[in-house]
Amino acid sequence: RKNTAHVQETEERETNVNS
């Protein structure tokens, strides 16, 4: 995971989709 900030954003978006 090089771009931590970007990865965090992506994970948050995926979480919202799965909710």
N, C-alpha and C. Protein backbone atom coordinates (compact mmCIF):
# COMPACT_ATOMS: atom_id res chain seq x y z
N ARG A 1 0.86 -1.20 0.00
CA ARG A 1 0.00 0.00 0.00
C ARG A 1 0.88 1.23 0.00
N LYS A 2 1.10 1.80 -1.17
CA LYS A 2 1.97 2.98 -1.27
C LYS A 2 1.19 4.26 -0.98
N ASN A 3 0.04 4.39 -1.65
CA ASN A 3 -0.76 5.60 -1.45
C ASN A 3 -1.79 5.34 -0.35
N THR A 4 -1.36 5.53 0.89
CA THR A 4 -2.23 5.19 2.03
C THR A 4 -3.51 6.01 1.99
N ALA A 5 -3.40 7.30 1.75
CA ALA A 5 -4.57 8.17 1.75
C ALA A 5 -5.56 7.70 0.68
N HIS A 6 -5.05 7.40 -0.50
CA HIS A 6 -5.93 6.97 -1.60
C HIS A 6 -6.58 5.64 -1.26
N VAL A 7 -5.82 4.74 -0.69
CA VAL A 7 -6.36 3.42 -0.33
C VAL A 7 -7.46 3.58 0.71
N GLN A 8 -7.24 4.47 1.67
CA GLN A 8 -8.24 4.68 2.72
C GLN A 8 -9.53 5.20 2.11
N GLU A 9 -9.42 6.12 1.19
CA GLU A 9 -10.62 6.66 0.53
C GLU A 9 -11.36 5.54 -0.20
N THR A 10 -10.61 4.73 -0.93
CA THR A 10 -11.23 3.65 -1.71
C THR A 10 -11.94 2.67 -0.78
N GLU A 11 -11.29 2.33 0.33
CA GLU A 11 -11.90 1.38 1.25
C GLU A 11 -13.19 1.95 1.84
N GLU A 12 -13.19 3.25 2.13
CA GLU A 12 -14.39 3.87 2.69
C GLU A 12 -15.52 3.83 1.66
N ARG A 13 -15.19 4.07 0.41
CA ARG A 13 -16.22 4.03 -0.63
C ARG A 13 -16.77 2.62 -0.78
N GLU A 14 -15.90 1.62 -0.75
CA GLU A 14 -16.35 0.24 -0.88
C GLU A 14 -17.24 -0.15 0.29
N THR A 15 -16.89 0.35 1.48
CA THR A 15 -17.70 0.05 2.66
C THR A 15 -19.09 0.63 2.49
N ASN A 16 -19.18 1.84 1.96
CA ASN A 16 -20.49 2.46 1.76
C ASN A 16 -21.31 1.66 0.74
N VAL A 17 -20.67 1.13 -0.26
CA VAL A 17 -21.37 0.36 -1.28
C VAL A 17 -21.89 -0.95 -0.68
N ASN A 18 -21.09 -1.56 0.19
CA ASN A 18 -21.47 -2.84 0.78
C ASN A 18 -22.54 -2.68 1.85
N SER A 19 -22.65 -1.51 2.40
CA SER A 19 -23.61 -1.29 3.49
C SER A 19 -25.03 -1.39 2.93
